[in-house]
Amino acid sequence: MKLANKHIAILGVGRSGRAAAALALREGARVSVWDKAGVEAFSELPKTVESHPNASEADGKTLEADVLVVSPGIDTYGSYVAAFSEHVSEVIGEVEFA
């Protein structure tokens, strides 16, 4: 998968989400990370990553991206992921993305 100049949105700011963000940045993508967690959870992300703390399903419905990467531990079939995937071309798991 070529990532250059694509918008990669990552759902989950934990260890795997940060690793996915680093990979996408290294490959030339525009990266955004979304999580229900507060601002403090985003402190280790590079400054070039768009951070979206306290992300709700309403926020997810506004997302437009080429790929949504869902971190392990997030219910892929739940309403939270469904909201974020409404305007996304492809939804994949973090393991598949890596």
PDB file of N, CA and C in Angstrom:
ATOM      1  N   MET A   1       0.843  -1.172   0.000  1.00  0.00           N
ATOM      2  CA  MET A   1       0.000   0.000   0.000  1.00  0.00           C
ATOM      3  C   MET A   1       0.893   1.242   0.000  1.00  0.00           C
ATOM      4  N   LYS A   2       0.682   2.106  -0.951  1.00  0.00           N
ATOM      5  CA  LYS A   2       1.427   3.370  -1.002  1.00  0.00           C
ATOM      6  C   LYS A   2       0.710   4.387  -0.133  1.00  0.00           C
ATOM      7  N   LEU A   3       1.458   5.007   0.765  1.00  0.00           N
ATOM      8  CA  LEU A   3       0.869   5.934   1.725  1.00  0.00           C
ATOM      9  C   LEU A   3       1.165   7.396   1.436  1.00  0.00           C
ATOM     10  N   ALA A   4       2.129   7.660   0.586  1.00  0.00           N
ATOM     11  CA  ALA A   4       2.528   9.041   0.309  1.00  0.00           C
ATOM     12  C   ALA A   4       1.328   9.868  -0.134  1.00  0.00           C
ATOM     13  N   ASN A   5       1.187  11.025   0.494  1.00  0.00           N
ATOM     14  CA  ASN A   5       0.135  11.993   0.187  1.00  0.00           C
ATOM     15  C   ASN A   5      -1.286  11.510   0.495  1.00  0.00           C
ATOM     16  N   LYS A   6      -1.423  10.445   1.271  1.00  0.00           N
ATOM     17  CA  LYS A   6      -2.743   9.984   1.699  1.00  0.00           C
ATOM     18  C   LYS A   6      -2.985  10.444   3.132  1.00  0.00           C
ATOM     19  N   HIS A   7      -4.253  10.549   3.484  1.00  0.00           N
ATOM     20  CA  HIS A   7      -4.610  10.864   4.871  1.00  0.00           C
ATOM     21  C   HIS A   7      -4.886   9.548   5.580  1.00  0.00           C
ATOM     22  N   ILE A   8      -4.041   9.242   6.550  1.00  0.00           N
ATOM     23  CA  ILE A   8      -4.187   8.045   7.360  1.00  0.00           C
ATOM     24  C   ILE A   8      -4.693   8.484   8.727  1.00  0.00           C
ATOM     25  N   ALA A   9      -5.877   8.043   9.083  1.00  0.00           N
ATOM     26  CA  ALA A   9      -6.454   8.343  10.393  1.00  0.00           C
ATOM     27  C   ALA A   9      -6.289   7.114  11.268  1.00  0.00           C
ATOM     28  N   ILE A  10      -5.833   7.333  12.483  1.00  0.00           N
ATOM     29  CA  ILE A  10      -5.587   6.235  13.397  1.00  0.00           C
ATOM     30  C   ILE A  10      -6.519   6.382  14.592  1.00  0.00           C
ATOM     31  N   LEU A  11      -7.226   5.320  14.882  1.00  0.00           N
ATOM     32  CA  LEU A  11      -8.154   5.309  16.000  1.00  0.00           C
ATOM     33  C   LEU A  11      -7.481   4.571  17.154  1.00  0.00           C
ATOM     34  N   GLY A  12      -7.047   5.329  18.138  1.00  0.00           N
ATOM     35  CA  GLY A  12      -6.349   4.777  19.295  1.00  0.00           C
ATOM     36  C   GLY A  12      -4.957   5.364  19.415  1.00  0.00           C
ATOM     37  N   VAL A  13      -4.650   5.957  20.570  1.00  0.00           N
ATOM     38  CA  VAL A  13      -3.374   6.645  20.768  1.00  0.00           C
ATOM     39  C   VAL A  13      -2.405   5.839  21.644  1.00  0.00           C
ATOM     40  N   GLY A  14      -2.726   4.576  21.872  1.00  0.00           N
ATOM     41  CA  GLY A  14      -1.840   3.724  22.659  1.00  0.00           C
ATOM     42  C   GLY A  14      -0.561   3.389  21.906  1.00  0.00           C
ATOM     43  N   ARG A  15       0.180   2.439  22.437  1.00  0.00           N
ATOM     44  CA  ARG A  15       1.474   2.067  21.849  1.00  0.00           C
ATOM     45  C   ARG A  15       1.352   1.685  20.374  1.00  0.00           C
ATOM     46  N   SER A  16       0.365   0.865  20.026  1.00  0.00           N
ATOM     47  CA  SER A  16       0.231   0.449  18.633  1.00  0.00           C
ATOM     48  C   SER A  16      -0.211   1.598  17.740  1.00  0.00           C
ATOM     49  N   GLY A  17      -1.057   2.485  18.251  1.00  0.00           N
ATOM     50  CA  GLY A  17      -1.467   3.653  17.485  1.00  0.00           C
ATOM     51  C   GLY A  17      -0.295   4.587  17.202  1.00  0.00           C
ATOM     52  N   ARG A  18       0.561   4.778  18.201  1.00  0.00           N
ATOM     53  CA  ARG A  18       1.754   5.621  17.995  1.00  0.00           C
ATOM     54  C   ARG A  18       2.698   4.982  16.985  1.00  0.00           C
ATOM     55  N   ALA A  19       2.836   3.658  17.026  1.00  0.00           N
ATOM     56  CA  ALA A  19       3.687   2.963  16.056  1.00  0.00           C
ATOM     57  C   ALA A  19       3.117   3.089  14.644  1.00  0.00           C
ATOM     58  N   ALA A  20       1.806   2.973  14.518  1.00  0.00           N
ATOM     59  CA  ALA A  20       1.169   3.127  13.206  1.00  0.00           C
ATOM     60  C   ALA A  20       1.353   4.550  12.677  1.00  0.00           C
ATOM     61  N   ALA A  21       1.260   5.529  13.567  1.00  0.00           N
ATOM     62  CA  ALA A  21       1.468   6.927  13.163  1.00  0.00           C
ATOM     63  C   ALA A  21       2.893   7.128  12.667  1.00  0.00           C
ATOM     64  N   ALA A  22       3.862   6.567  13.368  1.00  0.00           N
ATOM     65  CA  ALA A  22       5.269   6.699  12.956  1.00  0.00           C
ATOM     66  C   ALA A  22       5.496   6.068  11.586  1.00  0.00           C
ATOM     67  N   LEU A  23       4.916   4.905  11.355  1.00  0.00           N
ATOM     68  CA  LEU A  23       5.041   4.234  10.060  1.00  0.00           C
ATOM     69  C   LEU A  23       4.427   5.082   8.953  1.00  0.00           C
ATOM     70  N   ALA A  24       3.233   5.583   9.164  1.00  0.00           N
ATOM     71  CA  ALA A  24       2.557   6.391   8.144  1.00  0.00           C
ATOM     72  C   ALA A  24       3.333   7.665   7.845  1.00  0.00           C
ATOM     73  N   LEU A  25       3.856   8.314   8.872  1.00  0.00           N
ATOM     74  CA  LEU A  25       4.667   9.523   8.658  1.00  0.00           C
ATOM     75  C   LEU A  25       5.918   9.206   7.852  1.00  0.00           C
ATOM     76  N   ARG A  26       6.563   8.119   8.214  1.00  0.00           N
ATOM     77  CA  ARG A  26       7.798   7.718   7.519  1.00  0.00           C
ATOM     78  C   ARG A  26       7.540   7.465   6.037  1.00  0.00           C
ATOM     79  N   GLU A  27       6.323   7.024   5.714  1.00  0.00           N
ATOM     80  CA  GLU A  27       5.967   6.726   4.326  1.00  0.00           C
ATOM     81  C   GLU A  27       5.369   7.925   3.590  1.00  0.00           C
ATOM     82  N   GLY A  28       5.332   9.087   4.234  1.00  0.00           N
ATOM     83  CA  GLY A  28       4.906  10.315   3.569  1.00  0.00           C
ATOM     84  C   GLY A  28       3.426  10.642   3.652  1.00  0.00           C
ATOM     85  N   ALA A  29       2.724  10.033   4.586  1.00  0.00           N
ATOM     86  CA  ALA A  29       1.286  10.283   4.729  1.00  0.00           C
ATOM     87  C   ALA A  29       1.018  11.472   5.642  1.00  0.00           C
ATOM     88  N   ARG A  30      -0.149  12.031   5.488  1.00  0.00           N
ATOM     89  CA  ARG A  30      -0.690  12.987   6.457  1.00  0.00           C
ATOM     90  C   ARG A  30      -1.397  12.140   7.510  1.00  0.00           C
ATOM     91  N   VAL A  31      -1.114  12.383   8.777  1.00  0.00           N
ATOM     92  CA  VAL A  31      -1.596  11.493   9.831  1.00  0.00           C
ATOM     93  C   VAL A  31      -2.422  12.249  10.860  1.00  0.00           C
ATOM     94  N   SER A  32      -3.551  11.644  11.215  1.00  0.00           N
ATOM     95  CA  SER A  32      -4.350  12.150  12.334  1.00  0.00           C
ATOM     96  C   SER A  32      -4.604  10.985  13.276  1.00  0.00           C
ATOM     97  N   VAL A  33      -4.606  11.284  14.572  1.00  0.00           N
ATOM     98  CA  VAL A  33      -4.864  10.270  15.592  1.00  0.00           C
ATOM     99  C   VAL A  33      -6.041  10.732  16.430  1.00  0.00           C
ATOM    100  N   TRP A  34      -6.965   9.818  16.649  1.00  0.00           N
ATOM    101  CA  TRP A  34      -8.218  10.101  17.354  1.00  0.00           C
ATOM    102  C   TRP A  34      -8.346   9.135  18.514  1.00  0.00           C
ATOM    103  N   ASP A  35      -8.804   9.630  19.656  1.00  0.00           N
ATOM    104  CA  ASP A  35      -8.994   8.764  20.819  1.00  0.00           C
ATOM    105  C   ASP A  35      -9.928   9.444  21.805  1.00  0.00           C
ATOM    106  N   LYS A  36     -10.616   8.637  22.604  1.00  0.00           N
ATOM    107  CA  LYS A  36     -11.478   9.162  23.665  1.00  0.00           C
ATOM    108  C   LYS A  36     -10.647   9.764  24.796  1.00  0.00           C
ATOM    109  N   ALA A  37      -9.374   9.401  24.861  1.00  0.00           N
ATOM    110  CA  ALA A  37      -8.488   9.873  25.934  1.00  0.00           C
ATOM    111  C   ALA A  37      -8.272  11.383  25.847  1.00  0.00           C
ATOM    112  N   GLY A  38      -7.846  11.941  26.955  1.00  0.00           N
ATOM    113  CA  GLY A  38      -7.576  13.369  27.018  1.00  0.00           C
ATOM    114  C   GLY A  38      -6.245  13.755  26.401  1.00  0.00           C
ATOM    115  N   VAL A  39      -5.965  15.035  26.427  1.00  0.00           N
ATOM    116  CA  VAL A  39      -4.775  15.625  25.800  1.00  0.00           C
ATOM    117  C   VAL A  39      -3.479  14.967  26.273  1.00  0.00           C
ATOM    118  N   GLU A  40      -3.405  14.617  27.561  1.00  0.00           N
ATOM    119  CA  GLU A  40      -2.173  14.065  28.111  1.00  0.00           C
ATOM    120  C   GLU A  40      -1.737  12.776  27.414  1.00  0.00           C
ATOM    121  N   ALA A  41      -2.659  12.007  26.877  1.00  0.00           N
ATOM    122  CA  ALA A  41      -2.334  10.759  26.188  1.00  0.00           C
ATOM    123  C   ALA A  41      -1.631  10.992  24.853  1.00  0.00           C
ATOM    124  N   PHE A  42      -1.716  12.194  24.326  1.00  0.00           N
ATOM    125  CA  PHE A  42      -1.161  12.519  23.012  1.00  0.00           C
ATOM    126  C   PHE A  42       0.235  13.141  23.094  1.00  0.00           C
ATOM    127  N   SER A  43       0.792  13.246  24.269  1.00  0.00           N
ATOM    128  CA  SER A  43       2.045  13.991  24.470  1.00  0.00           C
ATOM    129  C   SER A  43       3.246  13.412  23.728  1.00  0.00           C
ATOM    130  N   GLU A  44       3.252  12.128  23.443  1.00  0.00           N
ATOM    131  CA  GLU A  44       4.410  11.514  22.786  1.00  0.00           C
ATOM    132  C   GLU A  44       4.330  11.503  21.266  1.00  0.00           C
ATOM    133  N   LEU A  45       3.279  12.047  20.705  1.00  0.00           N
ATOM    134  CA  LEU A  45       3.148  12.062  19.244  1.00  0.00           C
ATOM    135  C   LEU A  45       4.001  13.170  18.632  1.00  0.00           C
ATOM    136  N   PRO A  46       4.547  12.933  17.433  1.00  0.00           N
ATOM    137  CA  PRO A  46       5.266  14.000  16.735  1.00  0.00           C
ATOM    138  C   PRO A  46       4.350  15.190  16.478  1.00  0.00           C
ATOM    139  N   LYS A  47       4.908  16.365  16.417  1.00  0.00           N
ATOM    140  CA  LYS A  47       4.127  17.592  16.234  1.00  0.00           C
ATOM    141  C   LYS A  47       3.402  17.634  14.885  1.00  0.00           C
ATOM    142  N   THR A  48       3.869  16.876  13.908  1.00  0.00           N
ATOM    143  CA  THR A  48       3.239  16.875  12.586  1.00  0.00           C
ATOM    144  C   THR A  48       1.962  16.034  12.539  1.00  0.00           C
ATOM    145  N   VAL A  49       1.687  15.295  13.598  1.00  0.00           N
ATOM    146  CA  VAL A  49       0.469  14.487  13.662  1.00  0.00           C
ATOM    147  C   VAL A  49      -0.678  15.352  14.171  1.00  0.00           C
ATOM    148  N   GLU A  50      -1.812  15.292  13.488  1.00  0.00           N
ATOM    149  CA  GLU A  50      -3.010  16.001  13.939  1.00  0.00           C
ATOM    150  C   GLU A  50      -3.604  15.208  15.103  1.00  0.00           C
ATOM    151  N   SER A  51      -3.663  15.803  16.268  1.00  0.00           N
ATOM    152  CA  SER A  51      -4.170  15.125  17.464  1.00  0.00           C
ATOM    153  C   SER A  51      -5.623  15.507  17.723  1.00  0.00           C
ATOM    154  N   HIS A  52      -6.425  14.503  18.045  1.00  0.00           N
ATOM    155  CA  HIS A  52      -7.846  14.719  18.323  1.00  0.00           C
ATOM    156  C   HIS A  52      -8.221  14.012  19.624  1.00  0.00           C
ATOM    157  N   PRO A  53      -7.895  14.624  20.760  1.00  0.00           N
ATOM    158  CA  PRO A  53      -8.265  14.020  22.045  1.00  0.00           C
ATOM    159  C   PRO A  53      -9.760  14.158  22.309  1.00  0.00           C
ATOM    160  N   ASN A  54     -10.241  13.362  23.254  1.00  0.00           N
ATOM    161  CA  ASN A  54     -11.658  13.389  23.644  1.00  0.00           C
ATOM    162  C   ASN A  54     -12.589  13.193  22.448  1.00  0.00           C
ATOM    163  N   ALA A  55     -12.167  12.376  21.496  1.00  0.00           N
ATOM    164  CA  ALA A  55     -12.929  12.178  20.259  1.00  0.00           C
ATOM    165  C   ALA A  55     -14.196  11.361  20.516  1.00  0.00           C
ATOM    166  N   SER A  56     -15.293  11.885  20.045  1.00  0.00           N
ATOM    167  CA  SER A  56     -16.596  11.239  20.214  1.00  0.00           C
ATOM    168  C   SER A  56     -17.081  10.673  18.873  1.00  0.00           C
ATOM    169  N   GLU A  57     -18.176   9.949  18.925  1.00  0.00           N
ATOM    170  CA  GLU A  57     -18.768   9.450  17.684  1.00  0.00           C
ATOM    171  C   GLU A  57     -19.169  10.609  16.772  1.00  0.00           C
ATOM    172  N   ALA A  58     -19.637  11.703  17.334  1.00  0.00           N
ATOM    173  CA  ALA A  58     -19.995  12.878  16.530  1.00  0.00           C
ATOM    174  C   ALA A  58     -18.761  13.408  15.802  1.00  0.00           C
ATOM    175  N   ASP A  59     -17.607  13.415  16.471  1.00  0.00           N
ATOM    176  CA  ASP A  59     -16.362  13.836  15.818  1.00  0.00           C
ATOM    177  C   ASP A  59     -16.024  12.877  14.680  1.00  0.00           C
ATOM    178  N   GLY A  60     -16.205  11.588  14.936  1.00  0.00           N
ATOM    179  CA  GLY A  60     -15.891  10.576  13.935  1.00  0.00           C
ATOM    180  C   GLY A  60     -16.684  10.750  12.659  1.00  0.00           C
ATOM    181  N   LYS A  61     -17.908  11.186  12.769  1.00  0.00           N
ATOM    182  CA  LYS A  61     -18.753  11.373  11.581  1.00  0.00           C
ATOM    183  C   LYS A  61     -18.242  12.487  10.674  1.00  0.00           C
ATOM    184  N   THR A  62     -17.359  13.343  11.194  1.00  0.00           N
ATOM    185  CA  THR A  62     -16.803  14.428  10.392  1.00  0.00           C
ATOM    186  C   THR A  62     -15.509  14.031   9.680  1.00  0.00           C
ATOM    187  N   LEU A  63     -14.955  12.875  10.049  1.00  0.00           N
ATOM    188  CA  LEU A  63     -13.668  12.444   9.494  1.00  0.00           C
ATOM    189  C   LEU A  63     -13.782  12.043   8.034  1.00  0.00           C
ATOM    190  N   GLU A  64     -12.858  12.554   7.232  1.00  0.00           N
ATOM    191  CA  GLU A  64     -12.693  12.106   5.854  1.00  0.00           C
ATOM    192  C   GLU A  64     -11.240  11.705   5.706  1.00  0.00           C
ATOM    193  N   ALA A  65     -10.996  10.444   5.330  1.00  0.00           N
ATOM    194  CA  ALA A  65      -9.626   9.939   5.228  1.00  0.00           C
ATOM    195  C   ALA A  65      -9.563   8.841   4.177  1.00  0.00           C
ATOM    196  N   ASP A  66      -8.345   8.566   3.734  1.00  0.00           N
ATOM    197  CA  ASP A  66      -8.141   7.473   2.785  1.00  0.00           C
ATOM    198  C   ASP A  66      -8.181   6.120   3.494  1.00  0.00           C
ATOM    199  N   VAL A  67      -7.556   6.067   4.676  1.00  0.00           N
ATOM    200  CA  VAL A  67      -7.488   4.821   5.438  1.00  0.00           C
ATOM    201  C   VAL A  67      -7.728   5.126   6.910  1.00  0.00           C
ATOM    202  N   LEU A  68      -8.539   4.289   7.557  1.00  0.00           N
ATOM    203  CA  LEU A  68      -8.728   4.332   9.001  1.00  0.00           C
ATOM    204  C   LEU A  68      -8.063   3.090   9.574  1.00  0.00           C
ATOM    205  N   VAL A  69      -7.094   3.295  10.453  1.00  0.00           N
ATOM    206  CA  VAL A  69      -6.397   2.197  11.110  1.00  0.00           C
ATOM    207  C   VAL A  69      -6.967   2.081  12.522  1.00  0.00           C
ATOM    208  N   VAL A  70      -7.520   0.910  12.839  1.00  0.00           N
ATOM    209  CA  VAL A  70      -8.140   0.683  14.134  1.00  0.00           C
ATOM    210  C   VAL A  70      -7.178  -0.100  15.019  1.00  0.00           C
ATOM    211  N   SER A  71      -6.852   0.480  16.157  1.00  0.00           N
ATOM    212  CA  SER A  71      -5.927  -0.157  17.090  1.00  0.00           C
ATOM    213  C   SER A  71      -6.562  -1.374  17.748  1.00  0.00           C
ATOM    214  N   PRO A  72      -5.727  -2.347  18.146  1.00  0.00           N
ATOM    215  CA  PRO A  72      -6.254  -3.511  18.867  1.00  0.00           C
ATOM    216  C   PRO A  72      -6.949  -3.054  20.154  1.00  0.00           C
ATOM    217  N   GLY A  73      -7.951  -3.768  20.552  1.00  0.00           N
ATOM    218  CA  GLY A  73      -8.669  -3.417  21.767  1.00  0.00           C
ATOM    219  C   GLY A  73      -9.884  -2.544  21.520  1.00  0.00           C
ATOM    220  N   ILE A  74      -9.991  -2.000  20.329  1.00  0.00           N
ATOM    221  CA  ILE A  74     -11.166  -1.209  19.971  1.00  0.00           C
ATOM    222  C   ILE A  74     -12.098  -2.120  19.173  1.00  0.00           C
ATOM    223  N   ASP A  75     -13.351  -2.190  19.571  1.00  0.00           N
ATOM    224  CA  ASP A  75     -14.324  -3.061  18.924  1.00  0.00           C
ATOM    225  C   ASP A  75     -14.570  -2.614  17.490  1.00  0.00           C
ATOM    226  N   THR A  76     -14.055  -3.380  16.566  1.00  0.00           N
ATOM    227  CA  THR A  76     -14.145  -3.046  15.139  1.00  0.00           C
ATOM    228  C   THR A  76     -15.591  -2.934  14.666  1.00  0.00           C
ATOM    229  N   TYR A  77     -16.489  -3.657  15.304  1.00  0.00           N
ATOM    230  CA  TYR A  77     -17.880  -3.682  14.860  1.00  0.00           C
ATOM    231  C   TYR A  77     -18.789  -2.808  15.720  1.00  0.00           C
ATOM    232  N   GLY A  78     -18.218  -2.036  16.624  1.00  0.00           N
ATOM    233  CA  GLY A  78     -19.007  -1.175  17.494  1.00  0.00           C
ATOM    234  C   GLY A  78     -19.395   0.139  16.830  1.00  0.00           C
ATOM    235  N   SER A  79     -20.235   0.882  17.513  1.00  0.00           N
ATOM    236  CA  SER A  79     -20.742   2.145  16.961  1.00  0.00           C
ATOM    237  C   SER A  79     -19.653   3.211  16.844  1.00  0.00           C
ATOM    238  N   TYR A  80     -18.617   3.139  17.694  1.00  0.00           N
ATOM    239  CA  TYR A  80     -17.524   4.125  17.643  1.00  0.00           C
ATOM    240  C   TYR A  80     -16.774   4.012  16.310  1.00  0.00           C
ATOM    241  N   VAL A  81     -16.370   2.824  15.947  1.00  0.00           N
ATOM    242  CA  VAL A  81     -15.669   2.615  14.673  1.00  0.00           C
ATOM    243  C   VAL A  81     -16.608   2.886  13.509  1.00  0.00           C
ATOM    244  N   ALA A  82     -17.867   2.518  13.632  1.00  0.00           N
ATOM    245  CA  ALA A  82     -18.832   2.774  12.555  1.00  0.00           C
ATOM    246  C   ALA A  82     -18.932   4.262  12.258  1.00  0.00           C
ATOM    247  N   ALA A  83     -18.944   5.087  13.301  1.00  0.00           N
ATOM    248  CA  ALA A  83     -19.021   6.540  13.106  1.00  0.00           C
ATOM    249  C   ALA A  83     -17.789   7.060  12.373  1.00  0.00           C
ATOM    250  N   PHE A  84     -16.621   6.565  12.748  1.00  0.00           N
ATOM    251  CA  PHE A  84     -15.381   7.029  12.132  1.00  0.00           C
ATOM    252  C   PHE A  84     -15.204   6.513  10.704  1.00  0.00           C
ATOM    253  N   SER A  85     -15.848   5.434  10.364  1.00  0.00           N
ATOM    254  CA  SER A  85     -15.637   4.842   9.038  1.00  0.00           C
ATOM    255  C   SER A  85     -16.628   5.312   7.971  1.00  0.00           C
ATOM    256  N   GLU A  86     -17.562   6.189   8.334  1.00  0.00           N
ATOM    257  CA  GLU A  86     -18.590   6.630   7.382  1.00  0.00           C
ATOM    258  C   GLU A  86     -18.026   7.249   6.104  1.00  0.00           C
ATOM    259  N   HIS A  87     -16.966   8.052   6.215  1.00  0.00           N
ATOM    260  CA  HIS A  87     -16.417   8.762   5.053  1.00  0.00           C
ATOM    261  C   HIS A  87     -14.950   8.393   4.826  1.00  0.00           C
ATOM    262  N   VAL A  88     -14.651   7.107   4.999  1.00  0.00           N
ATOM    263  CA  VAL A  88     -13.291   6.608   4.859  1.00  0.00           C
ATOM    264  C   VAL A  88     -13.272   5.557   3.760  1.00  0.00           C
ATOM    265  N   SER A  89     -12.253   5.575   2.926  1.00  0.00           N
ATOM    266  CA  SER A  89     -12.180   4.636   1.813  1.00  0.00           C
ATOM    267  C   SER A  89     -11.903   3.205   2.253  1.00  0.00           C
ATOM    268  N   GLU A  90     -11.066   3.030   3.288  1.00  0.00           N
ATOM    269  CA  GLU A  90     -10.673   1.687   3.719  1.00  0.00           C
ATOM    270  C   GLU A  90     -10.478   1.672   5.231  1.00  0.00           C
ATOM    271  N   VAL A  91     -10.945   0.600   5.873  1.00  0.00           N
ATOM    272  CA  VAL A  91     -10.767   0.411   7.307  1.00  0.00           C
ATOM    273  C   VAL A  91      -9.955  -0.870   7.507  1.00  0.00           C
ATOM    274  N   ILE A  92      -8.835  -0.742   8.229  1.00  0.00           N
ATOM    275  CA  ILE A  92      -8.003  -1.924   8.491  1.00  0.00           C
ATOM    276  C   ILE A  92      -7.533  -1.907   9.941  1.00  0.00           C
ATOM    277  N   GLY A  93      -7.123  -3.057  10.411  1.00  0.00           N
ATOM    278  CA  GLY A  93      -6.564  -3.169  11.748  1.00  0.00           C
ATOM    279  C   GLY A  93      -5.108  -2.737  11.756  1.00  0.00           C
ATOM    280  N   GLU A  94      -4.609  -2.428  12.927  1.00  0.00           N
ATOM    281  CA  GLU A  94      -3.227  -1.969  13.063  1.00  0.00           C
ATOM    282  C   GLU A  94      -2.234  -3.048  12.650  1.00  0.00           C
ATOM    283  N   VAL A  95      -2.512  -4.298  12.991  1.00  0.00           N
ATOM    284  CA  VAL A  95      -1.605  -5.393  12.620  1.00  0.00           C
ATOM    285  C   VAL A  95      -1.522  -5.526  11.101  1.00  0.00           C
ATOM    286  N   GLU A  96      -2.655  -5.459  10.430  1.00  0.00           N
ATOM    287  CA  GLU A  96      -2.670  -5.515   8.965  1.00  0.00           C
ATOM    288  C   GLU A  96      -1.935  -4.326   8.362  1.00  0.00           C
ATOM    289  N   PHE A  97      -2.098  -3.149   8.955  1.00  0.00           N
ATOM    290  CA  PHE A  97      -1.436  -1.946   8.460  1.00  0.00           C
ATOM    291  C   PHE A  97       0.082  -2.085   8.549  1.00  0.00           C
ATOM    292  N   ALA A  98       0.557  -2.626   9.678  1.00  0.00           N
ATOM    293  CA  ALA A  98       2.008  -2.791   9.873  1.00  0.00           C
ATOM    294  C   ALA A  98       2.559  -3.765   8.865  1.00  0.00           C
TER     295      ALA A  98
END
